[in-house]
Amino acid sequence: MDKILNKLFLILKTRKKSDPKKSYVSSLYNKGIKKILKKIKEETNELIIVTKKFKEKNYKDNFLRYEIIKETADLWFHTLICISYLDILHTEILEELSSRIGISGIEEKNNRFK
């Protein structure tokens, strides 16, 4: 997974300098954080909707399962665009996730407020 994230982040970095008329990512960078966050919200809503439909089908519809995979990929991608826009490295996110391994979610959340 690290290889994929490294490759994506390199692409995102180069898109910062690309022509917004020729690059979707560059066009988002050009429109700013509000537009990027709007896309994250849209992708989140699409994932929620398809997941609810999948649940209604008792988690047995292969088409909806694949739609969840695609919507999750879209959400992750737009989140990567957001952190790249903010000059936060994906490795910083991975380090944070790594630091949480083996710690109860409840404990981790409680430690945030200390």
PDB file of N, CA and C in Angstrom:
ATOM      1  N   MET A   1       0.816  -1.195   0.000  1.00  0.00           N
ATOM      2  CA  MET A   1       0.000   0.000   0.000  1.00  0.00           C
ATOM      3  C   MET A   1       0.861   1.261   0.000  1.00  0.00           C
ATOM      4  N   ASP A   2       1.991   1.199   0.713  1.00  0.00           N
ATOM      5  CA  ASP A   2       2.873   2.368   0.745  1.00  0.00           C
ATOM      6  C   ASP A   2       3.311   2.780  -0.653  1.00  0.00           C
ATOM      7  N   LYS A   3       3.579   1.789  -1.523  1.00  0.00           N
ATOM      8  CA  LYS A   3       4.023   2.095  -2.887  1.00  0.00           C
ATOM      9  C   LYS A   3       2.943   2.852  -3.646  1.00  0.00           C
ATOM     10  N   ILE A   4       1.701   2.429  -3.469  1.00  0.00           N
ATOM     11  CA  ILE A   4       0.590   3.094  -4.147  1.00  0.00           C
ATOM     12  C   ILE A   4       0.442   4.525  -3.642  1.00  0.00           C
ATOM     13  N   LEU A   5       0.490   4.691  -2.318  1.00  0.00           N
ATOM     14  CA  LEU A   5       0.369   6.040  -1.751  1.00  0.00           C
ATOM     15  C   LEU A   5       1.527   6.929  -2.178  1.00  0.00           C
ATOM     16  N   ASN A   6       2.729   6.382  -2.189  1.00  0.00           N
ATOM     17  CA  ASN A   6       3.891   7.162  -2.636  1.00  0.00           C
ATOM     18  C   ASN A   6       3.704   7.620  -4.079  1.00  0.00           C
ATOM     19  N   LYS A   7       3.247   6.711  -4.920  1.00  0.00           N
ATOM     20  CA  LYS A   7       3.031   7.038  -6.335  1.00  0.00           C
ATOM     21  C   LYS A   7       1.933   8.091  -6.497  1.00  0.00           C
ATOM     22  N   LEU A   8       0.829   7.899  -5.782  1.00  0.00           N
ATOM     23  CA  LEU A   8      -0.261   8.875  -5.852  1.00  0.00           C
ATOM     24  C   LEU A   8       0.193  10.247  -5.363  1.00  0.00           C
ATOM     25  N   PHE A   9       0.937  10.272  -4.263  1.00  0.00           N
ATOM     26  CA  PHE A   9       1.368  11.554  -3.723  1.00  0.00           C
ATOM     27  C   PHE A   9       2.333  12.268  -4.661  1.00  0.00           C
ATOM     28  N   LEU A  10       3.168  11.513  -5.349  1.00  0.00           N
ATOM     29  CA  LEU A  10       4.060  12.119  -6.336  1.00  0.00           C
ATOM     30  C   LEU A  10       3.242  12.744  -7.470  1.00  0.00           C
ATOM     31  N   ILE A  11       2.228  12.027  -7.911  1.00  0.00           N
ATOM     32  CA  ILE A  11       1.342  12.557  -8.959  1.00  0.00           C
ATOM     33  C   ILE A  11       0.641  13.818  -8.460  1.00  0.00           C
ATOM     34  N   LEU A  12       0.106  13.766  -7.238  1.00  0.00           N
ATOM     35  CA  LEU A  12      -0.592  14.934  -6.689  1.00  0.00           C
ATOM     36  C   LEU A  12       0.340  16.133  -6.593  1.00  0.00           C
ATOM     37  N   LYS A  13       1.578  15.888  -6.205  1.00  0.00           N
ATOM     38  CA  LYS A  13       2.557  16.970  -6.103  1.00  0.00           C
ATOM     39  C   LYS A  13       2.805  17.609  -7.470  1.00  0.00           C
ATOM     40  N   THR A  14       2.944  16.788  -8.497  1.00  0.00           N
ATOM     41  CA  THR A  14       3.189  17.342  -9.831  1.00  0.00           C
ATOM     42  C   THR A  14       1.963  18.082 -10.370  1.00  0.00           C
ATOM     43  N   ARG A  15       0.790  17.657  -9.945  1.00  0.00           N
ATOM     44  CA  ARG A  15      -0.445  18.306 -10.418  1.00  0.00           C
ATOM     45  C   ARG A  15      -0.597  19.722  -9.875  1.00  0.00           C
ATOM     46  N   LYS A  16       0.099  20.026  -8.778  1.00  0.00           N
ATOM     47  CA  LYS A  16       0.034  21.388  -8.238  1.00  0.00           C
ATOM     48  C   LYS A  16       0.542  22.405  -9.252  1.00  0.00           C
ATOM     49  N   LYS A  17       1.425  21.946 -10.137  1.00  0.00           N
ATOM     50  CA  LYS A  17       2.022  22.840 -11.126  1.00  0.00           C
ATOM     51  C   LYS A  17       1.412  22.656 -12.518  1.00  0.00           C
ATOM     52  N   SER A  18       0.428  21.769 -12.625  1.00  0.00           N
ATOM     53  CA  SER A  18      -0.175  21.474 -13.926  1.00  0.00           C
ATOM     54  C   SER A  18      -1.230  22.505 -14.293  1.00  0.00           C
ATOM     55  N   ASP A  19      -1.590  22.483 -15.556  1.00  0.00           N
ATOM     56  CA  ASP A  19      -2.629  23.361 -16.081  1.00  0.00           C
ATOM     57  C   ASP A  19      -3.993  22.890 -15.587  1.00  0.00           C
ATOM     58  N   PRO A  20      -4.728  23.756 -14.874  1.00  0.00           N
ATOM     59  CA  PRO A  20      -6.051  23.368 -14.369  1.00  0.00           C
ATOM     60  C   PRO A  20      -7.043  22.982 -15.468  1.00  0.00           C
ATOM     61  N   LYS A  21      -6.771  23.402 -16.688  1.00  0.00           N
ATOM     62  CA  LYS A  21      -7.654  23.048 -17.806  1.00  0.00           C
ATOM     63  C   LYS A  21      -7.385  21.637 -18.315  1.00  0.00           C
ATOM     64  N   LYS A  22      -6.236  21.079 -17.921  1.00  0.00           N
ATOM     65  CA  LYS A  22      -5.852  19.755 -18.408  1.00  0.00           C
ATOM     66  C   LYS A  22      -5.796  18.704 -17.316  1.00  0.00           C
ATOM     67  N   SER A  23      -5.961  19.114 -16.059  1.00  0.00           N
ATOM     68  CA  SER A  23      -5.843  18.179 -14.937  1.00  0.00           C
ATOM     69  C   SER A  23      -6.971  18.420 -13.943  1.00  0.00           C
ATOM     70  N   TYR A  24      -7.713  17.354 -13.671  1.00  0.00           N
ATOM     71  CA  TYR A  24      -8.798  17.437 -12.691  1.00  0.00           C
ATOM     72  C   TYR A  24      -8.255  17.840 -11.326  1.00  0.00           C
ATOM     73  N   VAL A  25      -7.177  17.205 -10.891  1.00  0.00           N
ATOM     74  CA  VAL A  25      -6.591  17.504  -9.579  1.00  0.00           C
ATOM     75  C   VAL A  25      -6.128  18.954  -9.535  1.00  0.00           C
ATOM     76  N   SER A  26      -5.450  19.395 -10.575  1.00  0.00           N
ATOM     77  CA  SER A  26      -4.987  20.776 -10.632  1.00  0.00           C
ATOM     78  C   SER A  26      -6.161  21.752 -10.586  1.00  0.00           C
ATOM     79  N   SER A  27      -7.259  21.388 -11.225  1.00  0.00           N
ATOM     80  CA  SER A  27      -8.436  22.268 -11.197  1.00  0.00           C
ATOM     81  C   SER A  27      -8.997  22.373  -9.780  1.00  0.00           C
ATOM     82  N   LEU A  28      -8.952  21.264  -9.023  1.00  0.00           N
ATOM     83  CA  LEU A  28      -9.400  21.322  -7.628  1.00  0.00           C
ATOM     84  C   LEU A  28      -8.467  22.192  -6.796  1.00  0.00           C
ATOM     85  N   TYR A  29      -7.154  21.999  -6.963  1.00  0.00           N
ATOM     86  CA  TYR A  29      -6.191  22.839  -6.253  1.00  0.00           C
ATOM     87  C   TYR A  29      -6.462  24.313  -6.561  1.00  0.00           C
ATOM     88  N   ASN A  30      -6.697  24.576  -7.819  1.00  0.00           N
ATOM     89  CA  ASN A  30      -6.922  25.946  -8.274  1.00  0.00           C
ATOM     90  C   ASN A  30      -8.184  26.552  -7.669  1.00  0.00           C
ATOM     91  N   LYS A  31      -9.199  25.733  -7.441  1.00  0.00           N
ATOM     92  CA  LYS A  31     -10.466  26.225  -6.875  1.00  0.00           C
ATOM     93  C   LYS A  31     -10.402  26.381  -5.361  1.00  0.00           C
ATOM     94  N   GLY A  32      -9.424  25.740  -4.738  1.00  0.00           N
ATOM     95  CA  GLY A  32      -9.204  25.959  -3.318  1.00  0.00           C
ATOM     96  C   GLY A  32      -9.834  24.920  -2.406  1.00  0.00           C
ATOM     97  N   ILE A  33      -9.594  25.124  -1.126  1.00  0.00           N
ATOM     98  CA  ILE A  33      -9.962  24.143  -0.114  1.00  0.00           C
ATOM     99  C   ILE A  33     -11.470  23.940  -0.017  1.00  0.00           C
ATOM    100  N   LYS A  34     -12.255  24.990  -0.194  1.00  0.00           N
ATOM    101  CA  LYS A  34     -13.710  24.824  -0.101  1.00  0.00           C
ATOM    102  C   LYS A  34     -14.226  23.832  -1.132  1.00  0.00           C
ATOM    103  N   LYS A  35     -13.712  23.908  -2.354  1.00  0.00           N
ATOM    104  CA  LYS A  35     -14.130  22.984  -3.404  1.00  0.00           C
ATOM    105  C   LYS A  35     -13.651  21.566  -3.094  1.00  0.00           C
ATOM    106  N   ILE A  36     -12.444  21.442  -2.597  1.00  0.00           N
ATOM    107  CA  ILE A  36     -11.912  20.121  -2.245  1.00  0.00           C
ATOM    108  C   ILE A  36     -12.766  19.493  -1.144  1.00  0.00           C
ATOM    109  N   LEU A  37     -13.099  20.281  -0.132  1.00  0.00           N
ATOM    110  CA  LEU A  37     -13.940  19.768   0.960  1.00  0.00           C
ATOM    111  C   LEU A  37     -15.341  19.420   0.473  1.00  0.00           C
ATOM    112  N   LYS A  38     -15.852  20.179  -0.475  1.00  0.00           N
ATOM    113  CA  LYS A  38     -17.161  19.873  -1.060  1.00  0.00           C
ATOM    114  C   LYS A  38     -17.123  18.519  -1.759  1.00  0.00           C
ATOM    115  N   LYS A  39     -16.026  18.241  -2.457  1.00  0.00           N
ATOM    116  CA  LYS A  39     -15.875  16.934  -3.128  1.00  0.00           C
ATOM    117  C   LYS A  39     -15.799  15.808  -2.102  1.00  0.00           C
ATOM    118  N   ILE A  40     -15.088  16.028  -0.998  1.00  0.00           N
ATOM    119  CA  ILE A  40     -15.008  15.007   0.049  1.00  0.00           C
ATOM    120  C   ILE A  40     -16.398  14.738   0.612  1.00  0.00           C
ATOM    121  N   LYS A  41     -17.160  15.782   0.820  1.00  0.00           N
ATOM    122  CA  LYS A  41     -18.525  15.625   1.329  1.00  0.00           C
ATOM    123  C   LYS A  41     -19.381  14.842   0.331  1.00  0.00           C
ATOM    124  N   GLU A  42     -19.274  15.170  -0.950  1.00  0.00           N
ATOM    125  CA  GLU A  42     -20.031  14.455  -1.982  1.00  0.00           C
ATOM    126  C   GLU A  42     -19.669  12.974  -2.001  1.00  0.00           C
ATOM    127  N   GLU A  43     -18.381  12.684  -1.961  1.00  0.00           N
ATOM    128  CA  GLU A  43     -17.930  11.289  -2.002  1.00  0.00           C
ATOM    129  C   GLU A  43     -18.367  10.528  -0.747  1.00  0.00           C
ATOM    130  N   THR A  44     -18.336  11.205   0.389  1.00  0.00           N
ATOM    131  CA  THR A  44     -18.799  10.591   1.637  1.00  0.00           C
ATOM    132  C   THR A  44     -20.279  10.250   1.534  1.00  0.00           C
ATOM    133  N   ASN A  45     -21.066  11.181   1.040  1.00  0.00           N
ATOM    134  CA  ASN A  45     -22.503  10.937   0.887  1.00  0.00           C
ATOM    135  C   ASN A  45     -22.784   9.795  -0.081  1.00  0.00           C
ATOM    136  N   GLU A  46     -22.040   9.730  -1.175  1.00  0.00           N
ATOM    137  CA  GLU A  46     -22.226   8.640  -2.140  1.00  0.00           C
ATOM    138  C   GLU A  46     -21.900   7.294  -1.508  1.00  0.00           C
ATOM    139  N   LEU A  47     -20.861   7.243  -0.697  1.00  0.00           N
ATOM    140  CA  LEU A  47     -20.498   6.009  -0.001  1.00  0.00           C
ATOM    141  C   LEU A  47     -21.588   5.603   0.993  1.00  0.00           C
ATOM    142  N   ILE A  48     -22.113   6.566   1.706  1.00  0.00           N
ATOM    143  CA  ILE A  48     -23.189   6.282   2.663  1.00  0.00           C
ATOM    144  C   ILE A  48     -24.415   5.722   1.947  1.00  0.00           C
ATOM    145  N   ILE A  49     -24.797   6.333   0.860  1.00  0.00           N
ATOM    146  CA  ILE A  49     -25.987   5.902   0.115  1.00  0.00           C
ATOM    147  C   ILE A  49     -25.826   4.476  -0.405  1.00  0.00           C
ATOM    148  N   VAL A  50     -24.699   4.190  -1.024  1.00  0.00           N
ATOM    149  CA  VAL A  50     -24.507   2.851  -1.595  1.00  0.00           C
ATOM    150  C   VAL A  50     -24.373   1.799  -0.496  1.00  0.00           C
ATOM    151  N   THR A  51     -23.794   2.170   0.630  1.00  0.00           N
ATOM    152  CA  THR A  51     -23.676   1.225   1.742  1.00  0.00           C
ATOM    153  C   THR A  51     -25.053   0.892   2.312  1.00  0.00           C
ATOM    154  N   LYS A  52     -25.915   1.880   2.415  1.00  0.00           N
ATOM    155  CA  LYS A  52     -27.282   1.628   2.880  1.00  0.00           C
ATOM    156  C   LYS A  52     -28.023   0.697   1.915  1.00  0.00           C
ATOM    157  N   LYS A  53     -27.831   0.911   0.616  1.00  0.00           N
ATOM    158  CA  LYS A  53     -28.462   0.035  -0.382  1.00  0.00           C
ATOM    159  C   LYS A  53     -27.936  -1.390  -0.251  1.00  0.00           C
ATOM    160  N   PHE A  54     -26.638  -1.508  -0.023  1.00  0.00           N
ATOM    161  CA  PHE A  54     -26.012  -2.826   0.145  1.00  0.00           C
ATOM    162  C   PHE A  54     -26.594  -3.539   1.365  1.00  0.00           C
ATOM    163  N   LYS A  55     -26.779  -2.783   2.440  1.00  0.00           N
ATOM    164  CA  LYS A  55     -27.374  -3.349   3.648  1.00  0.00           C
ATOM    165  C   LYS A  55     -28.795  -3.848   3.361  1.00  0.00           C
ATOM    166  N   GLU A  56     -29.568  -3.050   2.608  1.00  0.00           N
ATOM    167  CA  GLU A  56     -30.939  -3.440   2.254  1.00  0.00           C
ATOM    168  C   GLU A  56     -30.969  -4.756   1.475  1.00  0.00           C
ATOM    169  N   LYS A  57     -29.897  -5.039   0.762  1.00  0.00           N
ATOM    170  CA  LYS A  57     -29.791  -6.287  -0.012  1.00  0.00           C
ATOM    171  C   LYS A  57     -29.102  -7.381   0.807  1.00  0.00           C
ATOM    172  N   ASN A  58     -29.052  -7.174   2.134  1.00  0.00           N
ATOM    173  CA  ASN A  58     -28.440  -8.141   3.050  1.00  0.00           C
ATOM    174  C   ASN A  58     -26.974  -8.429   2.705  1.00  0.00           C
ATOM    175  N   TYR A  59     -26.294  -7.419   2.202  1.00  0.00           N
ATOM    176  CA  TYR A  59     -24.866  -7.498   1.900  1.00  0.00           C
ATOM    177  C   TYR A  59     -24.552  -8.585   0.872  1.00  0.00           C
ATOM    178  N   LYS A  60     -25.478  -8.817  -0.056  1.00  0.00           N
ATOM    179  CA  LYS A  60     -25.287  -9.914  -1.014  1.00  0.00           C
ATOM    180  C   LYS A  60     -25.319  -9.467  -2.468  1.00  0.00           C
ATOM    181  N   ASP A  61     -25.265  -8.186  -2.732  1.00  0.00           N
ATOM    182  CA  ASP A  61     -25.311  -7.689  -4.101  1.00  0.00           C
ATOM    183  C   ASP A  61     -23.897  -7.342  -4.558  1.00  0.00           C
ATOM    184  N   ASN A  62     -23.350  -8.117  -5.504  1.00  0.00           N
ATOM    185  CA  ASN A  62     -21.960  -7.911  -5.953  1.00  0.00           C
ATOM    186  C   ASN A  62     -21.756  -6.561  -6.639  1.00  0.00           C
ATOM    187  N   PHE A  63     -22.775  -6.093  -7.349  1.00  0.00           N
ATOM    188  CA  PHE A  63     -22.664  -4.782  -7.997  1.00  0.00           C
ATOM    189  C   PHE A  63     -22.515  -3.690  -6.939  1.00  0.00           C
ATOM    190  N   LEU A  64     -23.370  -3.727  -5.910  1.00  0.00           N
ATOM    191  CA  LEU A  64     -23.295  -2.718  -4.854  1.00  0.00           C
ATOM    192  C   LEU A  64     -21.996  -2.836  -4.064  1.00  0.00           C
ATOM    193  N   ARG A  65     -21.527  -4.045  -3.872  1.00  0.00           N
ATOM    194  CA  ARG A  65     -20.247  -4.247  -3.196  1.00  0.00           C
ATOM    195  C   ARG A  65     -19.129  -3.548  -3.964  1.00  0.00           C
ATOM    196  N   TYR A  66     -19.138  -3.712  -5.283  1.00  0.00           N
ATOM    197  CA  TYR A  66     -18.126  -3.060  -6.111  1.00  0.00           C
ATOM    198  C   TYR A  66     -18.300  -1.537  -6.092  1.00  0.00           C
ATOM    199  N   GLU A  67     -19.541  -1.071  -6.037  1.00  0.00           N
ATOM    200  CA  GLU A  67     -19.789   0.373  -5.950  1.00  0.00           C
ATOM    201  C   GLU A  67     -19.213   0.941  -4.657  1.00  0.00           C
ATOM    202  N   ILE A  68     -19.301   0.185  -3.574  1.00  0.00           N
ATOM    203  CA  ILE A  68     -18.701   0.618  -2.307  1.00  0.00           C
ATOM    204  C   ILE A  68     -17.186   0.741  -2.458  1.00  0.00           C
ATOM    205  N   ILE A  69     -16.588  -0.218  -3.127  1.00  0.00           N
ATOM    206  CA  ILE A  69     -15.139  -0.167  -3.368  1.00  0.00           C
ATOM    207  C   ILE A  69     -14.785   1.084  -4.158  1.00  0.00           C
ATOM    208  N   LYS A  70     -15.523   1.365  -5.220  1.00  0.00           N
ATOM    209  CA  LYS A  70     -15.244   2.550  -6.055  1.00  0.00           C
ATOM    210  C   LYS A  70     -15.460   3.848  -5.288  1.00  0.00           C
ATOM    211  N   GLU A  71     -16.539   3.919  -4.520  1.00  0.00           N
ATOM    212  CA  GLU A  71     -16.816   5.145  -3.765  1.00  0.00           C
ATOM    213  C   GLU A  71     -15.783   5.362  -2.656  1.00  0.00           C
ATOM    214  N   THR A  72     -15.347   4.278  -2.038  1.00  0.00           N
ATOM    215  CA  THR A  72     -14.301   4.396  -1.023  1.00  0.00           C
ATOM    216  C   THR A  72     -13.004   4.889  -1.660  1.00  0.00           C
ATOM    217  N   ALA A  73     -12.670   4.360  -2.824  1.00  0.00           N
ATOM    218  CA  ALA A  73     -11.468   4.821  -3.538  1.00  0.00           C
ATOM    219  C   ALA A  73     -11.583   6.310  -3.860  1.00  0.00           C
ATOM    220  N   ASP A  74     -12.766   6.739  -4.302  1.00  0.00           N
ATOM    221  CA  ASP A  74     -12.981   8.164  -4.591  1.00  0.00           C
ATOM    222  C   ASP A  74     -12.792   9.014  -3.338  1.00  0.00           C
ATOM    223  N   LEU A  75     -13.349   8.536  -2.234  1.00  0.00           N
ATOM    224  CA  LEU A  75     -13.233   9.278  -0.971  1.00  0.00           C
ATOM    225  C   LEU A  75     -11.779   9.365  -0.523  1.00  0.00           C
ATOM    226  N   TRP A  76     -11.087   8.243  -0.548  1.00  0.00           N
ATOM    227  CA  TRP A  76      -9.665   8.249  -0.170  1.00  0.00           C
ATOM    228  C   TRP A  76      -8.864   9.183  -1.066  1.00  0.00           C
ATOM    229  N   PHE A  77      -9.133   9.114  -2.373  1.00  0.00           N
ATOM    230  CA  PHE A  77      -8.399   9.950  -3.326  1.00  0.00           C
ATOM    231  C   PHE A  77      -8.616  11.432  -3.038  1.00  0.00           C
ATOM    232  N   HIS A  78      -9.850  11.827  -2.822  1.00  0.00           N
ATOM    233  CA  HIS A  78     -10.121  13.236  -2.564  1.00  0.00           C
ATOM    234  C   HIS A  78      -9.570  13.681  -1.203  1.00  0.00           C
ATOM    235  N   THR A  79      -9.514  12.757  -0.255  1.00  0.00           N
ATOM    236  CA  THR A  79      -8.884  13.067   1.018  1.00  0.00           C
ATOM    237  C   THR A  79      -7.379  13.281   0.825  1.00  0.00           C
ATOM    238  N   LEU A  80      -6.769  12.466  -0.026  1.00  0.00           N
ATOM    239  CA  LEU A  80      -5.347  12.660  -0.341  1.00  0.00           C
ATOM    240  C   LEU A  80      -5.118  14.008  -1.022  1.00  0.00           C
ATOM    241  N   ILE A  81      -6.030  14.398  -1.897  1.00  0.00           N
ATOM    242  CA  ILE A  81      -5.920  15.716  -2.534  1.00  0.00           C
ATOM    243  C   ILE A  81      -5.954  16.802  -1.465  1.00  0.00           C
ATOM    244  N   CYS A  82      -6.849  16.653  -0.495  1.00  0.00           N
ATOM    245  CA  CYS A  82      -6.983  17.637   0.579  1.00  0.00           C
ATOM    246  C   CYS A  82      -5.692  17.761   1.380  1.00  0.00           C
ATOM    247  N   ILE A  83      -5.154  16.642   1.834  1.00  0.00           N
ATOM    248  CA  ILE A  83      -3.952  16.748   2.658  1.00  0.00           C
ATOM    249  C   ILE A  83      -2.754  17.230   1.842  1.00  0.00           C
ATOM    250  N   SER A  84      -2.715  16.858   0.569  1.00  0.00           N
ATOM    251  CA  SER A  84      -1.653  17.352  -0.302  1.00  0.00           C
ATOM    252  C   SER A  84      -1.766  18.866  -0.472  1.00  0.00           C
ATOM    253  N   TYR A  85      -2.979  19.339  -0.666  1.00  0.00           N
ATOM    254  CA  TYR A  85      -3.225  20.777  -0.791  1.00  0.00           C
ATOM    255  C   TYR A  85      -2.710  21.519   0.442  1.00  0.00           C
ATOM    256  N   LEU A  86      -2.892  20.891   1.604  1.00  0.00           N
ATOM    257  CA  LEU A  86      -2.482  21.498   2.877  1.00  0.00           C
ATOM    258  C   LEU A  86      -1.014  21.235   3.216  1.00  0.00           C
ATOM    259  N   ASP A  87      -0.281  20.607   2.277  1.00  0.00           N
ATOM    260  CA  ASP A  87       1.134  20.266   2.460  1.00  0.00           C
ATOM    261  C   ASP A  87       1.354  19.343   3.660  1.00  0.00           C
ATOM    262  N   ILE A  88       0.396  18.433   3.864  1.00  0.00           N
ATOM    263  CA  ILE A  88       0.539  17.377   4.855  1.00  0.00           C
ATOM    264  C   ILE A  88       0.903  16.118   4.069  1.00  0.00           C
ATOM    265  N   LEU A  89       1.947  15.443   4.481  1.00  0.00           N
ATOM    266  CA  LEU A  89       2.390  14.243   3.779  1.00  0.00           C
ATOM    267  C   LEU A  89       1.570  13.030   4.193  1.00  0.00           C
ATOM    268  N   HIS A  90       1.351  12.153   3.251  1.00  0.00           N
ATOM    269  CA  HIS A  90       0.640  10.903   3.563  1.00  0.00           C
ATOM    270  C   HIS A  90       1.388  10.097   4.614  1.00  0.00           C
ATOM    271  N   THR A  91       2.703  10.233   4.650  1.00  0.00           N
ATOM    272  CA  THR A  91       3.494   9.507   5.644  1.00  0.00           C
ATOM    273  C   THR A  91       3.168   9.974   7.064  1.00  0.00           C
ATOM    274  N   GLU A  92       2.778  11.238   7.211  1.00  0.00           N
ATOM    275  CA  GLU A  92       2.384  11.732   8.528  1.00  0.00           C
ATOM    276  C   GLU A  92       1.087  11.054   8.991  1.00  0.00           C
ATOM    277  N   ILE A  93       0.184  10.835   8.062  1.00  0.00           N
ATOM    278  CA  ILE A  93      -1.076  10.153   8.380  1.00  0.00           C
ATOM    279  C   ILE A  93      -0.782   8.689   8.727  1.00  0.00           C
ATOM    280  N   LEU A  94       0.085   8.068   7.940  1.00  0.00           N
ATOM    281  CA  LEU A  94       0.439   6.675   8.203  1.00  0.00           C
ATOM    282  C   LEU A  94       1.126   6.522   9.560  1.00  0.00           C
ATOM    283  N   GLU A  95       1.981   7.475   9.910  1.00  0.00           N
ATOM    284  CA  GLU A  95       2.635   7.442  11.219  1.00  0.00           C
ATOM    285  C   GLU A  95       1.603   7.540  12.338  1.00  0.00           C
ATOM    286  N   GLU A  96       0.624   8.406  12.175  1.00  0.00           N
ATOM    287  CA  GLU A  96      -0.423   8.548  13.184  1.00  0.00           C
ATOM    288  C   GLU A  96      -1.216   7.253  13.317  1.00  0.00           C
ATOM    289  N   LEU A  97      -1.583   6.659  12.187  1.00  0.00           N
ATOM    290  CA  LEU A  97      -2.306   5.388  12.230  1.00  0.00           C
ATOM    291  C   LEU A  97      -1.460   4.306  12.889  1.00  0.00           C
ATOM    292  N   SER A  98      -0.184   4.275  12.559  1.00  0.00           N
ATOM    293  CA  SER A  98       0.721   3.292  13.129  1.00  0.00           C
ATOM    294  C   SER A  98       0.816   3.437  14.651  1.00  0.00           C
ATOM    295  N   SER A  99       0.816   4.675  15.109  1.00  0.00           N
ATOM    296  CA  SER A  99       0.926   4.909  16.555  1.00  0.00           C
ATOM    297  C   SER A  99      -0.312   4.430  17.307  1.00  0.00           C
ATOM    298  N   ARG A 100      -1.397   4.228  16.606  1.00  0.00           N
ATOM    299  CA  ARG A 100      -2.645   3.795  17.245  1.00  0.00           C
ATOM    300  C   ARG A 100      -2.817   2.283  17.281  1.00  0.00           C
ATOM    301  N   ILE A 101      -1.948   1.567  16.573  1.00  0.00           N
ATOM    302  CA  ILE A 101      -2.057   0.110  16.550  1.00  0.00           C
ATOM    303  C   ILE A 101      -1.805  -0.432  17.952  1.00  0.00           C
ATOM    304  N   GLY A 102      -2.704  -1.289  18.388  1.00  0.00           N
ATOM    305  CA  GLY A 102      -2.570  -1.897  19.701  1.00  0.00           C
ATOM    306  C   GLY A 102      -3.159  -1.068  20.825  1.00  0.00           C
ATOM    307  N   ILE A 103      -3.738   0.074  20.482  1.00  0.00           N
ATOM    308  CA  ILE A 103      -4.365   0.923  21.490  1.00  0.00           C
ATOM    309  C   ILE A 103      -5.877   0.890  21.254  1.00  0.00           C
ATOM    310  N   SER A 104      -6.618   0.692  22.311  1.00  0.00           N
ATOM    311  CA  SER A 104      -8.075   0.713  22.223  1.00  0.00           C
ATOM    312  C   SER A 104      -8.533   2.045  21.636  1.00  0.00           C
ATOM    313  N   GLY A 105      -9.528   1.999  20.788  1.00  0.00           N
ATOM    314  CA  GLY A 105     -10.081   3.223  20.226  1.00  0.00           C
ATOM    315  C   GLY A 105     -10.599   4.162  21.298  1.00  0.00           C
ATOM    316  N   ILE A 106     -11.177   3.599  22.331  1.00  0.00           N
ATOM    317  CA  ILE A 106     -11.684   4.409  23.448  1.00  0.00           C
ATOM    318  C   ILE A 106     -10.515   5.076  24.168  1.00  0.00           C
ATOM    319  N   GLU A 107      -9.462   4.304  24.412  1.00  0.00           N
ATOM    320  CA  GLU A 107      -8.277   4.857  25.082  1.00  0.00           C
ATOM    321  C   GLU A 107      -7.628   5.941  24.239  1.00  0.00           C
ATOM    322  N   GLU A 108      -7.498   5.699  22.935  1.00  0.00           N
ATOM    323  CA  GLU A 108      -6.868   6.672  22.037  1.00  0.00           C
ATOM    324  C   GLU A 108      -7.665   7.979  22.050  1.00  0.00           C
ATOM    325  N   LYS A 109      -8.982   7.868  21.959  1.00  0.00           N
ATOM    326  CA  LYS A 109      -9.830   9.065  21.953  1.00  0.00           C
ATOM    327  C   LYS A 109      -9.700   9.822  23.263  1.00  0.00           C
ATOM    328  N   ASN A 110      -9.703   9.109  24.381  1.00  0.00           N
ATOM    329  CA  ASN A 110      -9.557   9.768  25.692  1.00  0.00           C
ATOM    330  C   ASN A 110      -8.217  10.457  25.837  1.00  0.00           C
ATOM    331  N   ASN A 111      -7.172   9.888  25.237  1.00  0.00           N
ATOM    332  CA  ASN A 111      -5.835  10.491  25.317  1.00  0.00           C
ATOM    333  C   ASN A 111      -5.710  11.790  24.521  1.00  0.00           C
ATOM    334  N   ARG A 112      -6.599  12.025  23.576  1.00  0.00           N
ATOM    335  CA  ARG A 112      -6.554  13.253  22.784  1.00  0.00           C
ATOM    336  C   ARG A 112      -6.816  14.485  23.625  1.00  0.00           C
ATOM    337  N   PHE A 113      -7.529  14.328  24.705  1.00  0.00           N
ATOM    338  CA  PHE A 113      -7.960  15.486  25.487  1.00  0.00           C
ATOM    339  C   PHE A 113      -7.097  15.714  26.712  1.00  0.00           C
ATOM    340  N   LYS A 114      -5.971  15.040  26.793  1.00  0.00           N
ATOM    341  CA  LYS A 114      -5.067  15.221  27.941  1.00  0.00           C
ATOM    342  C   LYS A 114      -3.970  16.196  27.610  1.00  0.00           C
TER     343      LYS A 114
END
